[in-house]
């Protein structure tokens, strides 16, 4: 079961900016706010637009912010397996932008969303558009995990009972808070509640597993030297989900990439939204003329 807009979305952050749009064969939930150059925000695996809840209003002072729930996540419909790949998600986001009539001048992405952001440029959907990646998951897992993790996620995805079982586990007291803490971040009660609503829905869990099982990070790594758009990498020193070394390695592979090291965990944009929003504004100027 997917998250329900009437119940789960009853007080969704920035709900007044939400709309539902048909594009690329999917029904999308997307938030659009502000005026100025278009800034596309892409969340990471397992998250949704709530991830930008305190960042979006700040950025909307300077930009027209477009923040979708990625396919299979939050209140956006789940496509077939091909739509959950990195290129498939990039095609879907490009179709959504075309339907909205929006041409981003900048993309800011978190974790796995950074892979989608780079594929948008590499695959010709947003050629030359600068990308700011926060704790970007853009390299394969080390060692045997590179082969094992996607295989396990794929097995869970194709078993219709597993998403329901995992969503049931998320309903146990403190379960979601422990998962968040394992990323190196600490969220307030509001943040934990929003993630809990999503994790309790088997449709959201299935979409996340489908994304992870179809994620070709080895292919993205091979393509990194071809990234032509300006890239700014922001790495949190306490991130235990995507360690800072990943951003350092990506910076070495992408010509002209700039690396910024900050104190913070995987969800630093939720822990300190004002600082992250200021970083986006500053980084956008740097990215425009590296």
Protein backbone atom coordinates (compact mmCIF):
# COMPACT_ATOMS: atom_id res chain seq x y z
CA UNK A 1 0.00 0.00 0.00
CA UNK A 2 1.31 3.43 -0.99
CA UNK A 3 1.27 6.37 1.44
CA UNK A 4 -2.18 7.98 1.41
CA UNK A 5 -2.39 11.72 0.77
CA UNK A 6 -5.53 12.15 2.89
CA UNK A 7 -4.13 10.45 5.99
CA UNK A 8 -0.32 10.29 5.71
CA UNK A 9 -0.22 13.62 3.88
CA UNK A 10 -2.75 15.40 6.08
CA UNK A 11 -0.14 17.85 7.43
CA UNK A 12 2.67 17.14 4.97
CA UNK A 13 5.43 19.77 5.04
CA UNK A 14 4.85 22.55 2.48
CA UNK A 15 1.56 20.90 1.52
CA UNK A 16 0.31 24.20 0.12
CA UNK A 17 2.91 23.89 -2.65
CA UNK A 18 2.01 20.29 -3.53
CA UNK A 19 0.42 19.21 -6.79
CA UNK A 20 -0.16 15.92 -8.57
CA UNK A 21 0.99 15.77 -12.18
CA UNK A 22 0.80 13.08 -14.84
CA UNK A 23 4.07 12.68 -16.76
CA UNK A 24 6.04 9.82 -18.28
CA UNK A 25 3.25 7.36 -17.54
CA UNK A 26 3.29 8.13 -13.78
CA UNK A 27 1.25 10.19 -11.36
CA UNK A 28 3.80 12.38 -9.59
CA UNK A 29 3.67 14.26 -6.32
CA UNK A 30 5.74 17.42 -6.74
CA UNK A 31 6.11 20.66 -4.82
CA UNK A 32 6.71 23.94 -6.65
CA UNK A 33 7.41 27.16 -4.76
CA UNK A 34 9.07 30.56 -5.13
CA UNK A 35 10.22 32.72 -8.03
CA UNK A 36 13.45 33.09 -9.94
CA UNK A 37 15.80 30.59 -11.64
CA UNK A 38 14.53 27.02 -11.44
CA UNK A 39 16.23 24.85 -8.80
CA UNK A 40 15.51 21.11 -8.91
CA UNK A 41 15.76 19.24 -5.58
CA UNK A 42 16.16 15.43 -5.66
CA UNK A 43 15.90 13.44 -2.43
CA UNK A 44 17.67 10.17 -1.63
CA UNK A 45 16.51 6.56 -1.42
CA UNK A 46 13.79 5.98 1.17
CA UNK A 47 12.96 9.68 1.51
CA UNK A 48 10.46 12.04 -0.15
CA UNK A 49 9.75 15.77 -0.37
CA UNK A 50 9.59 15.97 3.44
CA UNK A 51 13.40 15.69 3.37
CA UNK A 52 13.47 19.31 2.13
CA UNK A 53 10.77 20.53 4.54
CA UNK A 54 12.81 23.35 6.08
CA UNK A 55 15.17 23.90 3.14
CA UNK A 56 12.50 24.52 0.49
CA UNK A 57 11.00 27.71 2.03
CA UNK A 58 14.48 29.21 2.42
CA UNK A 59 15.52 28.47 -1.17
CA UNK A 60 12.15 29.67 -2.50
CA UNK A 61 13.24 33.21 -1.62
CA UNK A 62 15.76 33.12 -4.46
CA UNK A 63 14.59 30.30 -6.76
CA UNK A 64 11.59 28.60 -8.27
CA UNK A 65 12.06 25.34 -6.38
CA UNK A 66 10.82 22.07 -7.91
CA UNK A 67 10.92 19.10 -5.53
CA UNK A 68 9.34 15.80 -6.63
CA UNK A 69 8.87 12.51 -4.86
CA UNK A 70 11.00 10.19 -7.00
CA UNK A 71 9.29 7.19 -8.66
CA UNK A 72 8.17 4.61 -6.11
CA UNK A 73 8.75 7.02 -3.23
CA UNK A 74 6.31 8.97 -1.11
CA UNK A 75 3.15 9.84 -3.00
CA UNK A 76 4.52 9.27 -6.53
CA UNK A 77 3.43 6.09 -8.32
CA UNK A 78 5.77 3.12 -8.72
CA UNK A 79 6.84 2.26 -12.29
CA UNK A 80 8.09 -1.06 -13.62
CA UNK A 81 11.66 -2.14 -12.94
CA UNK A 82 13.08 -0.14 -15.87
CA UNK A 83 11.62 3.04 -14.39
CA UNK A 84 13.48 2.44 -11.13
CA UNK A 85 16.92 2.36 -12.73
CA UNK A 86 19.08 5.47 -12.67
CA UNK A 87 18.51 6.22 -16.40
CA UNK A 88 14.82 5.38 -15.99
CA UNK A 89 14.41 7.80 -13.11
CA UNK A 90 16.29 10.46 -15.05
CA UNK A 91 13.89 9.98 -17.99
CA UNK A 92 10.95 10.23 -15.62
CA UNK A 93 12.20 13.43 -13.99
CA UNK A 94 12.88 14.92 -17.44
CA UNK A 95 9.31 14.09 -18.49
CA UNK A 96 7.97 15.74 -15.32
CA UNK A 97 10.01 18.89 -15.95
CA UNK A 98 8.75 19.02 -19.53
CA UNK A 99 5.15 18.68 -18.33
CA UNK A 100 5.70 21.49 -15.81
CA UNK A 101 7.46 23.63 -18.42
CA UNK A 102 10.44 24.04 -16.10
CA UNK A 103 14.09 24.27 -17.21
CA UNK A 104 16.39 24.00 -14.17
CA UNK A 105 19.39 26.29 -13.87
CA UNK A 106 20.70 24.19 -10.97
CA UNK A 107 20.15 20.74 -9.46
CA UNK A 108 20.74 19.99 -5.78
CA UNK A 109 20.55 16.34 -4.79
CA UNK A 110 21.01 14.20 -1.71
CA UNK A 111 22.51 10.70 -1.50
CA UNK A 112 21.10 8.43 -4.27
CA UNK A 113 19.37 11.46 -5.79
CA UNK A 114 22.83 12.65 -6.84
CA UNK A 115 23.07 9.68 -9.20
CA UNK A 116 19.84 10.75 -10.87
CA UNK A 117 21.12 14.33 -11.06
CA UNK A 118 24.31 13.26 -12.86
CA UNK A 119 22.40 10.93 -15.20
CA UNK A 120 20.16 13.86 -16.20
CA UNK A 121 23.26 15.56 -17.56
CA UNK A 122 25.08 12.48 -18.87
CA UNK A 123 22.01 11.26 -20.77
CA UNK A 124 21.35 14.63 -22.38
CA UNK A 125 18.24 15.66 -20.45
CA UNK A 126 19.89 18.62 -18.67
CA UNK A 127 23.22 19.11 -20.45
CA UNK A 128 25.60 21.51 -18.73
CA UNK A 129 23.33 22.23 -15.74
CA UNK A 130 25.42 22.52 -12.52
CA UNK A 131 24.86 19.93 -9.79
CA UNK A 132 25.35 20.30 -6.04
CA UNK A 133 25.54 16.83 -4.43
CA UNK A 134 25.13 16.38 -0.68
CA UNK A 135 26.63 13.10 0.55
CA UNK A 136 26.13 11.75 -2.94
CA UNK A 137 25.90 7.95 -3.33
CA UNK A 138 27.74 7.73 -6.64
CA UNK A 139 30.20 4.83 -6.25
CA UNK A 140 29.69 1.06 -5.87
CA UNK A 141 29.72 -0.47 -2.40
CA UNK A 142 33.18 -1.77 -1.50
CA UNK A 143 34.21 -5.41 -1.82
CA UNK A 144 31.66 -8.21 -1.93
CA UNK A 145 28.86 -5.79 -0.95
CA UNK A 146 29.07 -4.40 -4.50
CA UNK A 147 27.57 -7.67 -5.77
CA UNK A 148 25.69 -8.86 -2.70
CA UNK A 149 23.69 -5.76 -1.71
CA UNK A 150 21.82 -5.17 -5.00
CA UNK A 151 21.12 -8.92 -5.24
CA UNK A 152 19.59 -8.99 -1.74
CA UNK A 153 17.52 -5.87 -2.47
CA UNK A 154 16.30 -7.49 -5.70
CA UNK A 155 15.21 -10.64 -3.87
CA UNK A 156 13.30 -8.55 -1.34
CA UNK A 157 11.72 -6.49 -4.12
CA UNK A 158 10.35 -9.47 -6.05
CA UNK A 159 8.94 -11.14 -2.91
CA UNK A 160 5.57 -9.42 -2.36
CA UNK A 161 5.56 -10.27 1.35
CA UNK A 162 8.88 -8.67 2.24
CA UNK A 163 7.90 -4.98 1.87
CA UNK A 164 4.88 -5.65 4.09
CA UNK A 165 7.04 -7.39 6.70
CA UNK A 166 9.60 -4.60 6.66
CA UNK A 167 6.92 -1.93 6.97
CA UNK A 168 5.49 -3.84 9.96
CA UNK A 169 8.93 -3.82 11.58
CA UNK A 170 9.05 -0.04 11.09
CA UNK A 171 5.91 0.33 13.21
CA UNK A 172 7.72 -0.94 16.32
CA UNK A 173 8.58 1.78 18.88
CA UNK A 174 11.95 3.38 18.25
CA UNK A 175 12.69 1.37 15.09
CA UNK A 176 12.80 4.31 12.69
CA UNK A 177 14.70 6.51 15.16
CA UNK A 178 17.39 3.80 15.36
CA UNK A 179 17.65 3.62 11.57
CA UNK A 180 18.05 7.41 11.35
CA UNK A 181 20.65 7.43 14.11
CA UNK A 182 22.66 4.78 12.23
CA UNK A 183 23.23 7.33 9.42
CA UNK A 184 25.21 9.62 11.71
CA UNK A 185 22.34 12.12 12.01
CA UNK A 186 19.87 13.05 14.74
CA UNK A 187 16.41 14.31 13.81
CA UNK A 188 13.70 15.88 15.92
CA UNK A 189 10.37 14.16 16.64
CA UNK A 190 8.76 15.73 13.58
CA UNK A 191 11.41 14.30 11.27
CA UNK A 192 11.15 10.84 12.82
CA UNK A 193 7.36 10.91 12.49
CA UNK A 194 7.48 11.76 8.78
CA UNK A 195 9.93 8.97 7.98
CA UNK A 196 7.83 6.60 10.10
CA UNK A 197 4.72 7.35 8.06
CA UNK A 198 6.56 6.38 4.89
CA UNK A 199 8.30 3.29 6.28
CA UNK A 200 5.00 1.95 7.62
CA UNK A 201 3.65 1.81 4.07
CA UNK A 202 4.71 -1.31 2.14
CA UNK A 203 4.37 0.53 -1.20
CA UNK A 204 7.03 3.05 -0.22
CA UNK A 205 9.30 0.29 1.10
CA UNK A 206 8.83 -1.69 -2.14
CA UNK A 207 9.67 1.38 -4.24
CA UNK A 208 12.83 1.97 -2.23
CA UNK A 209 13.91 -1.67 -2.55
CA UNK A 210 13.16 -1.58 -6.27
CA UNK A 211 15.34 1.49 -6.69
CA UNK A 212 18.22 -0.06 -4.76
CA UNK A 213 18.02 -3.38 -6.60
CA UNK A 214 18.20 -1.66 -10.00
CA UNK A 215 20.95 0.84 -9.12
CA UNK A 216 23.96 0.57 -11.46
CA UNK A 217 26.63 2.43 -9.53
CA UNK A 218 29.45 0.66 -11.40
CA UNK A 219 28.10 2.08 -14.66
CA UNK A 220 27.86 5.54 -13.15
CA UNK A 221 31.45 5.32 -11.93
CA UNK A 222 32.64 4.51 -15.46
CA UNK A 223 30.80 7.59 -16.74
CA UNK A 224 32.01 10.05 -14.10
CA UNK A 225 34.99 11.27 -16.19
CA UNK A 226 32.43 12.29 -18.86
CA UNK A 227 30.54 14.62 -16.53
CA UNK A 228 30.75 17.99 -18.27
CA UNK A 229 28.54 20.06 -15.96
CA UNK A 230 30.04 21.89 -12.97
CA UNK A 231 29.86 19.70 -9.87
CA UNK A 232 30.07 20.75 -6.21
CA UNK A 233 30.33 17.91 -3.68
CA UNK A 234 29.34 18.50 -0.05
CA UNK A 235 30.46 15.74 2.34
CA UNK A 236 29.49 15.37 6.00
CA UNK A 237 32.34 14.16 8.18
CA UNK A 238 30.00 12.09 10.39
CA UNK A 239 28.11 10.38 7.55
CA UNK A 240 28.15 6.62 8.17
CA UNK A 241 25.88 5.82 5.20
CA UNK A 242 27.94 7.46 2.44
CA UNK A 243 31.37 8.08 4.00
CA UNK A 244 33.28 11.25 3.02
CA UNK A 245 35.81 9.16 1.07
CA UNK A 246 33.11 8.61 -1.58
CA UNK A 247 32.91 12.33 -2.32
CA UNK A 248 36.70 12.56 -2.35
CA UNK A 249 36.94 9.75 -4.89
CA UNK A 250 34.22 11.27 -7.06
CA UNK A 251 35.98 14.64 -6.94
CA UNK A 252 39.10 12.95 -8.28
CA UNK A 253 37.17 11.36 -11.15
CA UNK A 254 35.10 14.34 -12.32
CA UNK A 255 37.07 17.07 -14.11
CA UNK A 256 36.85 20.39 -12.27
CA UNK A 257 34.71 19.06 -9.39
CA UNK A 258 34.88 21.01 -6.13
CA UNK A 259 34.74 19.30 -2.73
CA UNK A 260 33.44 20.95 0.44
CA UNK A 261 33.85 19.10 3.76
CA UNK A 262 31.42 19.98 6.55
CA UNK A 263 30.61 18.77 10.03
CA UNK A 264 27.44 16.69 9.88
CA UNK A 265 25.81 13.35 9.21
CA UNK A 266 24.02 11.86 6.24
CA UNK A 267 20.91 14.02 6.77
CA UNK A 268 22.71 17.28 7.52
CA UNK A 269 20.23 19.21 5.34
CA UNK A 270 17.49 18.19 7.79
CA UNK A 271 19.60 18.82 10.89
CA UNK A 272 20.79 22.30 9.84
CA UNK A 273 18.57 23.51 6.97
CA UNK A 274 19.61 27.18 7.17
CA UNK A 275 23.28 26.36 6.74
CA UNK A 276 22.61 23.95 3.91
CA UNK A 277 20.36 26.44 2.08
CA UNK A 278 23.12 29.05 2.37
CA UNK A 279 25.59 26.50 1.01
CA UNK A 280 23.35 25.88 -2.01
CA UNK A 281 23.14 29.60 -2.80
CA UNK A 282 26.92 29.98 -2.40
CA UNK A 283 27.74 26.80 -4.27
CA UNK A 284 25.47 27.73 -7.16
CA UNK A 285 27.56 30.81 -7.82
CA UNK A 286 30.74 28.76 -7.64
CA UNK A 287 29.30 26.04 -9.86
CA UNK A 288 28.21 28.51 -12.51
CA UNK A 289 31.80 29.56 -13.09
CA UNK A 290 34.15 26.97 -11.58
